[in-house]
PDB file of N, CA and C in Angstrom:
ATOM      1  N   MET A   1      31.964 -39.105  -1.674  1.00  0.00           N
ATOM      2  CA  MET A   1      32.765 -37.921  -1.449  1.00  0.00           C
ATOM      3  C   MET A   1      31.989 -36.962  -0.568  1.00  0.00           C
ATOM      4  N   LYS A   2      32.631 -36.448   0.431  1.00  0.00           N
ATOM      5  CA  LYS A   2      31.991 -35.501   1.335  1.00  0.00           C
ATOM      6  C   LYS A   2      31.894 -34.129   0.682  1.00  0.00           C
ATOM      7  N   GLN A   3      30.937 -33.343   1.154  1.00  0.00           N
ATOM      8  CA  GLN A   3      30.735 -32.005   0.620  1.00  0.00           C
ATOM      9  C   GLN A   3      32.013 -31.175   0.700  1.00  0.00           C
ATOM     10  N   SER A   4      32.761 -31.276   1.785  1.00  0.00           N
ATOM     11  CA  SER A   4      33.985 -30.477   1.933  1.00  0.00           C
ATOM     12  C   SER A   4      35.034 -30.872   0.898  1.00  0.00           C
ATOM     13  N   GLU A   5      35.087 -32.160   0.514  1.00  0.00           N
ATOM     14  CA  GLU A   5      36.029 -32.584  -0.507  1.00  0.00           C
ATOM     15  C   GLU A   5      35.648 -32.006  -1.863  1.00  0.00           C
ATOM     16  N   THR A   6      34.348 -31.924  -2.152  1.00  0.00           N
ATOM     17  CA  THR A   6      33.884 -31.321  -3.392  1.00  0.00           C
ATOM     18  C   THR A   6      34.294 -29.866  -3.448  1.00  0.00           C
ATOM     19  N   VAL A   7      34.088 -29.147  -2.374  1.00  0.00           N
ATOM     20  CA  VAL A   7      34.469 -27.731  -2.319  1.00  0.00           C
ATOM     21  C   VAL A   7      35.970 -27.597  -2.504  1.00  0.00           C
ATOM     22  N   ASP A   8      36.746 -28.477  -1.861  1.00  0.00           N
ATOM     23  CA  ASP A   8      38.195 -28.415  -1.985  1.00  0.00           C
ATOM     24  C   ASP A   8      38.636 -28.586  -3.439  1.00  0.00           C
ATOM     25  N   ILE A   9      38.046 -29.534  -4.154  1.00  0.00           N
ATOM     26  CA  ILE A   9      38.408 -29.755  -5.557  1.00  0.00           C
ATOM     27  C   ILE A   9      37.998 -28.559  -6.404  1.00  0.00           C
ATOM     28  N   LEU A  10      36.807 -28.034  -6.198  1.00  0.00           N
ATOM     29  CA  LEU A  10      36.354 -26.889  -6.987  1.00  0.00           C
ATOM     30  C   LEU A  10      37.226 -25.659  -6.751  1.00  0.00           C
ATOM     31  N   ASP A  11      37.753 -25.529  -5.545  1.00  0.00           N
ATOM     32  CA  ASP A  11      38.617 -24.390  -5.225  1.00  0.00           C
ATOM     33  C   ASP A  11      40.085 -24.637  -5.552  1.00  0.00           C
ATOM     34  N   LEU A  12      40.409 -25.849  -5.998  1.00  0.00           N
ATOM     35  CA  LEU A  12      41.785 -26.181  -6.340  1.00  0.00           C
ATOM     36  C   LEU A  12      42.257 -25.315  -7.507  1.00  0.00           C
ATOM     37  N   PRO A  13      43.376 -24.631  -7.338  1.00  0.00           N
ATOM     38  CA  PRO A  13      43.922 -23.880  -8.476  1.00  0.00           C
ATOM     39  C   PRO A  13      44.263 -24.844  -9.618  1.00  0.00           C
ATOM     40  N   ILE A  14      43.845 -24.508 -10.796  1.00  0.00           N
ATOM     41  CA  ILE A  14      44.108 -25.356 -11.952  1.00  0.00           C
ATOM     42  C   ILE A  14      45.608 -25.555 -12.122  1.00  0.00           C
ATOM     43  N   ALA A  15      46.385 -24.537 -11.834  1.00  0.00           N
ATOM     44  CA  ALA A  15      47.839 -24.625 -11.960  1.00  0.00           C
ATOM     45  C   ALA A  15      48.434 -25.693 -11.047  1.00  0.00           C
ATOM     46  N   GLN A  16      47.745 -26.049  -9.978  1.00  0.00           N
ATOM     47  CA  GLN A  16      48.237 -27.070  -9.041  1.00  0.00           C
ATOM     48  C   GLN A  16      47.607 -28.435  -9.289  1.00  0.00           C
ATOM     49  N   SER A  17      46.820 -28.554 -10.323  1.00  0.00           N
ATOM     50  CA  SER A  17      46.142 -29.813 -10.638  1.00  0.00           C
ATOM     51  C   SER A  17      47.087 -30.733 -11.412  1.00  0.00           C
ATOM     52  N   PRO A  18      46.715 -32.007 -11.521  1.00  0.00           N
ATOM     53  CA  PRO A  18      47.538 -32.953 -12.279  1.00  0.00           C
ATOM     54  C   PRO A  18      47.279 -32.925 -13.783  1.00  0.00           C
ATOM     55  N   LEU A  19      46.544 -31.945 -14.258  1.00  0.00           N
ATOM     56  CA  LEU A  19      46.199 -31.888 -15.674  1.00  0.00           C
ATOM     57  C   LEU A  19      47.386 -31.420 -16.515  1.00  0.00           C
ATOM     58  N   SER A  20      47.260 -31.546 -17.821  1.00  0.00           N
ATOM     59  CA  SER A  20      48.368 -31.258 -18.737  1.00  0.00           C
ATOM     60  C   SER A  20      48.777 -29.785 -18.707  1.00  0.00           C
ATOM     61  N   ASN A  21      50.006 -29.555 -19.125  1.00  0.00           N
ATOM     62  CA  ASN A  21      50.502 -28.180 -19.216  1.00  0.00           C
ATOM     63  C   ASN A  21      49.695 -27.379 -20.226  1.00  0.00           C
ATOM     64  N   GLU A  22      49.236 -28.037 -21.287  1.00  0.00           N
ATOM     65  CA  GLU A  22      48.399 -27.359 -22.278  1.00  0.00           C
ATOM     66  C   GLU A  22      47.093 -26.887 -21.638  1.00  0.00           C
ATOM     67  N   PHE A  23      46.473 -27.766 -20.861  1.00  0.00           N
ATOM     68  CA  PHE A  23      45.218 -27.411 -20.186  1.00  0.00           C
ATOM     69  C   PHE A  23      45.450 -26.219 -19.264  1.00  0.00           C
ATOM     70  N   LYS A  24      46.521 -26.276 -18.497  1.00  0.00           N
ATOM     71  CA  LYS A  24      46.838 -25.199 -17.555  1.00  0.00           C
ATOM     72  C   LYS A  24      47.098 -23.880 -18.282  1.00  0.00           C
ATOM     73  N   ALA A  25      47.832 -23.934 -19.377  1.00  0.00           N
ATOM     74  CA  ALA A  25      48.154 -22.717 -20.125  1.00  0.00           C
ATOM     75  C   ALA A  25      46.912 -22.084 -20.745  1.00  0.00           C
ATOM     76  N   VAL A  26      46.070 -22.916 -21.356  1.00  0.00           N
ATOM     77  CA  VAL A  26      44.860 -22.394 -22.011  1.00  0.00           C
ATOM     78  C   VAL A  26      43.898 -21.808 -20.982  1.00  0.00           C
ATOM     79  N   THR A  27      43.678 -22.519 -19.877  1.00  0.00           N
ATOM     80  CA  THR A  27      42.743 -21.997 -18.873  1.00  0.00           C
ATOM     81  C   THR A  27      43.273 -20.717 -18.239  1.00  0.00           C
ATOM     82  N   GLU A  28      44.585 -20.648 -18.030  1.00  0.00           N
ATOM     83  CA  GLU A  28      45.162 -19.410 -17.479  1.00  0.00           C
ATOM     84  C   GLU A  28      44.974 -18.251 -18.452  1.00  0.00           C
ATOM     85  N   MET A  29      45.235 -18.507 -19.733  1.00  0.00           N
ATOM     86  CA  MET A  29      45.078 -17.483 -20.761  1.00  0.00           C
ATOM     87  C   MET A  29      43.630 -16.979 -20.814  1.00  0.00           C
ATOM     88  N   LEU A  30      42.677 -17.889 -20.573  1.00  0.00           N
ATOM     89  CA  LEU A  30      41.257 -17.533 -20.639  1.00  0.00           C
ATOM     90  C   LEU A  30      40.719 -16.974 -19.320  1.00  0.00           C
ATOM     91  N   GLY A  31      41.554 -16.941 -18.286  1.00  0.00           N
ATOM     92  CA  GLY A  31      41.141 -16.344 -17.017  1.00  0.00           C
ATOM     93  C   GLY A  31      40.457 -17.292 -16.055  1.00  0.00           C
ATOM     94  N   PHE A  32      40.588 -18.601 -16.300  1.00  0.00           N
ATOM     95  CA  PHE A  32      40.035 -19.584 -15.371  1.00  0.00           C
ATOM     96  C   PHE A  32      41.135 -19.968 -14.388  1.00  0.00           C
ATOM     97  N   HIS A  33      40.872 -19.787 -13.112  1.00  0.00           N
ATOM     98  CA  HIS A  33      41.903 -20.027 -12.109  1.00  0.00           C
ATOM     99  C   HIS A  33      41.667 -21.272 -11.268  1.00  0.00           C
ATOM    100  N   ASN A  34      40.404 -21.679 -11.123  1.00  0.00           N
ATOM    101  CA  ASN A  34      40.099 -22.894 -10.361  1.00  0.00           C
ATOM    102  C   ASN A  34      38.947 -23.625 -11.057  1.00  0.00           C
ATOM    103  N   PHE A  35      38.642 -24.802 -10.558  1.00  0.00           N
ATOM    104  CA  PHE A  35      37.619 -25.619 -11.225  1.00  0.00           C
ATOM    105  C   PHE A  35      36.218 -25.061 -11.037  1.00  0.00           C
ATOM    106  N   SER A  36      36.032 -24.258 -10.030  1.00  0.00           N
ATOM    107  CA  SER A  36      34.753 -23.577  -9.857  1.00  0.00           C
ATOM    108  C   SER A  36      34.502 -22.612 -11.014  1.00  0.00           C
ATOM    109  N   ASP A  37      35.555 -21.948 -11.477  1.00  0.00           N
ATOM    110  CA  ASP A  37      35.432 -21.046 -12.631  1.00  0.00           C
ATOM    111  C   ASP A  37      34.968 -21.820 -13.869  1.00  0.00           C
ATOM    112  N   LEU A  38      35.559 -22.983 -14.102  1.00  0.00           N
ATOM    113  CA  LEU A  38      35.191 -23.797 -15.264  1.00  0.00           C
ATOM    114  C   LEU A  38      33.786 -24.354 -15.140  1.00  0.00           C
ATOM    115  N   GLN A  39      33.459 -24.797 -13.946  1.00  0.00           N
ATOM    116  CA  GLN A  39      32.187 -25.476 -13.693  1.00  0.00           C
ATOM    117  C   GLN A  39      30.986 -24.571 -13.976  1.00  0.00           C
ATOM    118  N   GLN A  40      31.193 -23.276 -14.001  1.00  0.00           N
ATOM    119  CA  GLN A  40      30.106 -22.326 -14.260  1.00  0.00           C
ATOM    120  C   GLN A  40      29.730 -22.248 -15.745  1.00  0.00           C
ATOM    121  N   HIS A  41      30.494 -22.933 -16.599  1.00  0.00           N
ATOM    122  CA  HIS A  41      30.263 -22.891 -18.045  1.00  0.00           C
ATOM    123  C   HIS A  41      29.982 -24.292 -18.572  1.00  0.00           C
ATOM    124  N   ARG A  42      29.047 -24.384 -19.483  1.00  0.00           N
ATOM    125  CA  ARG A  42      28.762 -25.660 -20.134  1.00  0.00           C
ATOM    126  C   ARG A  42      29.920 -25.989 -21.076  1.00  0.00           C
ATOM    127  N   THR A  43      30.116 -27.260 -21.346  1.00  0.00           N
ATOM    128  CA  THR A  43      31.245 -27.655 -22.187  1.00  0.00           C
ATOM    129  C   THR A  43      31.151 -27.070 -23.598  1.00  0.00           C
ATOM    130  N   VAL A  44      29.963 -26.905 -24.120  1.00  0.00           N
ATOM    131  CA  VAL A  44      29.818 -26.310 -25.456  1.00  0.00           C
ATOM    132  C   VAL A  44      30.299 -24.859 -25.441  1.00  0.00           C
ATOM    133  N   GLN A  45      30.093 -24.153 -24.349  1.00  0.00           N
ATOM    134  CA  GLN A  45      30.597 -22.779 -24.229  1.00  0.00           C
ATOM    135  C   GLN A  45      32.118 -22.772 -24.141  1.00  0.00           C
ATOM    136  N   LEU A  46      32.665 -23.695 -23.371  1.00  0.00           N
ATOM    137  CA  LEU A  46      34.123 -23.779 -23.241  1.00  0.00           C
ATOM    138  C   LEU A  46      34.767 -24.084 -24.585  1.00  0.00           C
ATOM    139  N   GLN A  47      34.185 -25.001 -25.321  1.00  0.00           N
ATOM    140  CA  GLN A  47      34.758 -25.404 -26.598  1.00  0.00           C
ATOM    141  C   GLN A  47      34.743 -24.270 -27.623  1.00  0.00           C
ATOM    142  N   ASN A  48      33.866 -23.308 -27.451  1.00  0.00           N
ATOM    143  CA  ASN A  48      33.814 -22.162 -28.364  1.00  0.00           C
ATOM    144  C   ASN A  48      34.847 -21.096 -28.040  1.00  0.00           C
ATOM    145  N   LEU A  49      35.569 -21.264 -26.929  1.00  0.00           N
ATOM    146  CA  LEU A  49      36.608 -20.313 -26.548  1.00  0.00           C
ATOM    147  C   LEU A  49      37.892 -20.614 -27.314  1.00  0.00           C
ATOM    148  N   PRO A  50      38.719 -19.593 -27.546  1.00  0.00           N
ATOM    149  CA  PRO A  50      39.975 -19.806 -28.281  1.00  0.00           C
ATOM    150  C   PRO A  50      40.851 -20.876 -27.615  1.00  0.00           C
ATOM    151  N   ASP A  51      41.306 -21.828 -28.397  1.00  0.00           N
ATOM    152  CA  ASP A  51      42.238 -22.886 -27.986  1.00  0.00           C
ATOM    153  C   ASP A  51      41.662 -23.927 -27.029  1.00  0.00           C
ATOM    154  N   PHE A  52      40.395 -23.813 -26.637  1.00  0.00           N
ATOM    155  CA  PHE A  52      39.790 -24.813 -25.754  1.00  0.00           C
ATOM    156  C   PHE A  52      39.146 -25.867 -26.645  1.00  0.00           C
ATOM    157  N   ASP A  53      39.959 -26.796 -27.112  1.00  0.00           N
ATOM    158  CA  ASP A  53      39.495 -27.780 -28.087  1.00  0.00           C
ATOM    159  C   ASP A  53      38.865 -29.011 -27.426  1.00  0.00           C
ATOM    160  N   GLN A  54      38.432 -29.937 -28.258  1.00  0.00           N
ATOM    161  CA  GLN A  54      37.745 -31.141 -27.780  1.00  0.00           C
ATOM    162  C   GLN A  54      38.626 -31.956 -26.836  1.00  0.00           C
ATOM    163  N   HIS A  55      39.912 -32.007 -27.120  1.00  0.00           N
ATOM    164  CA  HIS A  55      40.849 -32.733 -26.262  1.00  0.00           C
ATOM    165  C   HIS A  55      40.833 -32.171 -24.838  1.00  0.00           C
ATOM    166  N   LEU A  56      40.820 -30.858 -24.705  1.00  0.00           N
ATOM    167  CA  LEU A  56      40.793 -30.241 -23.377  1.00  0.00           C
ATOM    168  C   LEU A  56      39.445 -30.462 -22.685  1.00  0.00           C
ATOM    169  N   ILE A  57      38.376 -30.509 -23.448  1.00  0.00           N
ATOM    170  CA  ILE A  57      37.063 -30.827 -22.877  1.00  0.00           C
ATOM    171  C   ILE A  57      37.106 -32.218 -22.264  1.00  0.00           C
ATOM    172  N   TYR A  58      37.639 -33.187 -23.023  1.00  0.00           N
ATOM    173  CA  TYR A  58      37.731 -34.561 -22.511  1.00  0.00           C
ATOM    174  C   TYR A  58      38.583 -34.626 -21.247  1.00  0.00           C
ATOM    175  N   GLU A  59      39.681 -33.885 -21.248  1.00  0.00           N
ATOM    176  CA  GLU A  59      40.568 -33.883 -20.086  1.00  0.00           C
ATOM    177  C   GLU A  59      39.845 -33.325 -18.852  1.00  0.00           C
ATOM    178  N   TYR A  60      39.122 -32.246 -19.034  1.00  0.00           N
ATOM    179  CA  TYR A  60      38.358 -31.621 -17.957  1.00  0.00           C
ATOM    180  C   TYR A  60      37.273 -32.568 -17.431  1.00  0.00           C
ATOM    181  N   VAL A  61      36.497 -33.141 -18.334  1.00  0.00           N
ATOM    182  CA  VAL A  61      35.405 -34.032 -17.938  1.00  0.00           C
ATOM    183  C   VAL A  61      35.961 -35.270 -17.231  1.00  0.00           C
ATOM    184  N   GLU A  62      37.032 -35.836 -17.739  1.00  0.00           N
ATOM    185  CA  GLU A  62      37.636 -37.010 -17.105  1.00  0.00           C
ATOM    186  C   GLU A  62      38.121 -36.677 -15.690  1.00  0.00           C
ATOM    187  N   PHE A  63      38.741 -35.515 -15.518  1.00  0.00           N
ATOM    188  CA  PHE A  63      39.190 -35.099 -14.189  1.00  0.00           C
ATOM    189  C   PHE A  63      38.013 -34.977 -13.233  1.00  0.00           C
ATOM    190  N   MET A  64      36.940 -34.357 -13.686  1.00  0.00           N
ATOM    191  CA  MET A  64      35.769 -34.178 -12.839  1.00  0.00           C
ATOM    192  C   MET A  64      35.141 -35.530 -12.494  1.00  0.00           C
ATOM    193  N   GLU A  65      35.034 -36.428 -13.469  1.00  0.00           N
ATOM    194  CA  GLU A  65      34.455 -37.745 -13.216  1.00  0.00           C
ATOM    195  C   GLU A  65      35.337 -38.568 -12.279  1.00  0.00           C
ATOM    196  N   THR A  66      36.635 -38.493 -12.439  1.00  0.00           N
ATOM    197  CA  THR A  66      37.573 -39.208 -11.570  1.00  0.00           C
ATOM    198  C   THR A  66      37.426 -38.758 -10.119  1.00  0.00           C
ATOM    199  N   ASN A  67      37.072 -37.504  -9.943  1.00  0.00           N
ATOM    200  CA  ASN A  67      36.892 -36.948  -8.590  1.00  0.00           C
ATOM    201  C   ASN A  67      35.428 -36.950  -8.167  1.00  0.00           C
ATOM    202  N   GLN A  68      34.628 -37.837  -8.755  1.00  0.00           N
ATOM    203  CA  GLN A  68      33.213 -38.006  -8.431  1.00  0.00           C
ATOM    204  C   GLN A  68      32.423 -36.701  -8.544  1.00  0.00           C
ATOM    205  N   MET A  69      32.779 -35.874  -9.523  1.00  0.00           N
ATOM    206  CA  MET A  69      32.059 -34.622  -9.719  1.00  0.00           C
ATOM    207  C   MET A  69      31.563 -34.465 -11.159  1.00  0.00           C
ATOM    208  N   GLY A  70      31.441 -35.569 -11.858  1.00  0.00           N
ATOM    209  CA  GLY A  70      30.951 -35.514 -13.223  1.00  0.00           C
ATOM    210  C   GLY A  70      29.568 -34.907 -13.316  1.00  0.00           C
ATOM    211  N   HIS A  71      28.781 -35.061 -12.249  1.00  0.00           N
ATOM    212  CA  HIS A  71      27.421 -34.506 -12.255  1.00  0.00           C
ATOM    213  C   HIS A  71      27.424 -32.971 -12.288  1.00  0.00           C
ATOM    214  N   LEU A  72      28.559 -32.348 -11.995  1.00  0.00           N
ATOM    215  CA  LEU A  72      28.644 -30.885 -12.033  1.00  0.00           C
ATOM    216  C   LEU A  72      28.968 -30.342 -13.412  1.00  0.00           C
ATOM    217  N   VAL A  73      29.362 -31.228 -14.320  1.00  0.00           N
ATOM    218  CA  VAL A  73      29.661 -30.822 -15.694  1.00  0.00           C
ATOM    219  C   VAL A  73      28.350 -30.807 -16.468  1.00  0.00           C
ATOM    220  N   ASP A  74      28.027 -29.705 -17.065  1.00  0.00           N
ATOM    221  CA  ASP A  74      26.780 -29.544 -17.823  1.00  0.00           C
ATOM    222  C   ASP A  74      25.551 -29.988 -17.030  1.00  0.00           C
ATOM    223  N   PRO A  75      25.358 -29.408 -15.845  1.00  0.00           N
ATOM    224  CA  PRO A  75      24.202 -29.816 -15.014  1.00  0.00           C
ATOM    225  C   PRO A  75      22.882 -29.479 -15.675  1.00  0.00           C
TER     226      PRO A  75
END
């Protein structure tokens, strides 16, 4: 994956992503608008937020790994 593709994915609005409606609703409620916002937090921090359960962590990590960016999760 080229650097520009990584930036494009990180800047992708979560609302326009292929993730579940639950994921989109929870991240919007918590003020996360793109994947760069999420990437700044470790998964243990995300899981401690209201309604950000283990299922949503798995969904987030799987999305990042599918887009060859798993290394950005909990760096």
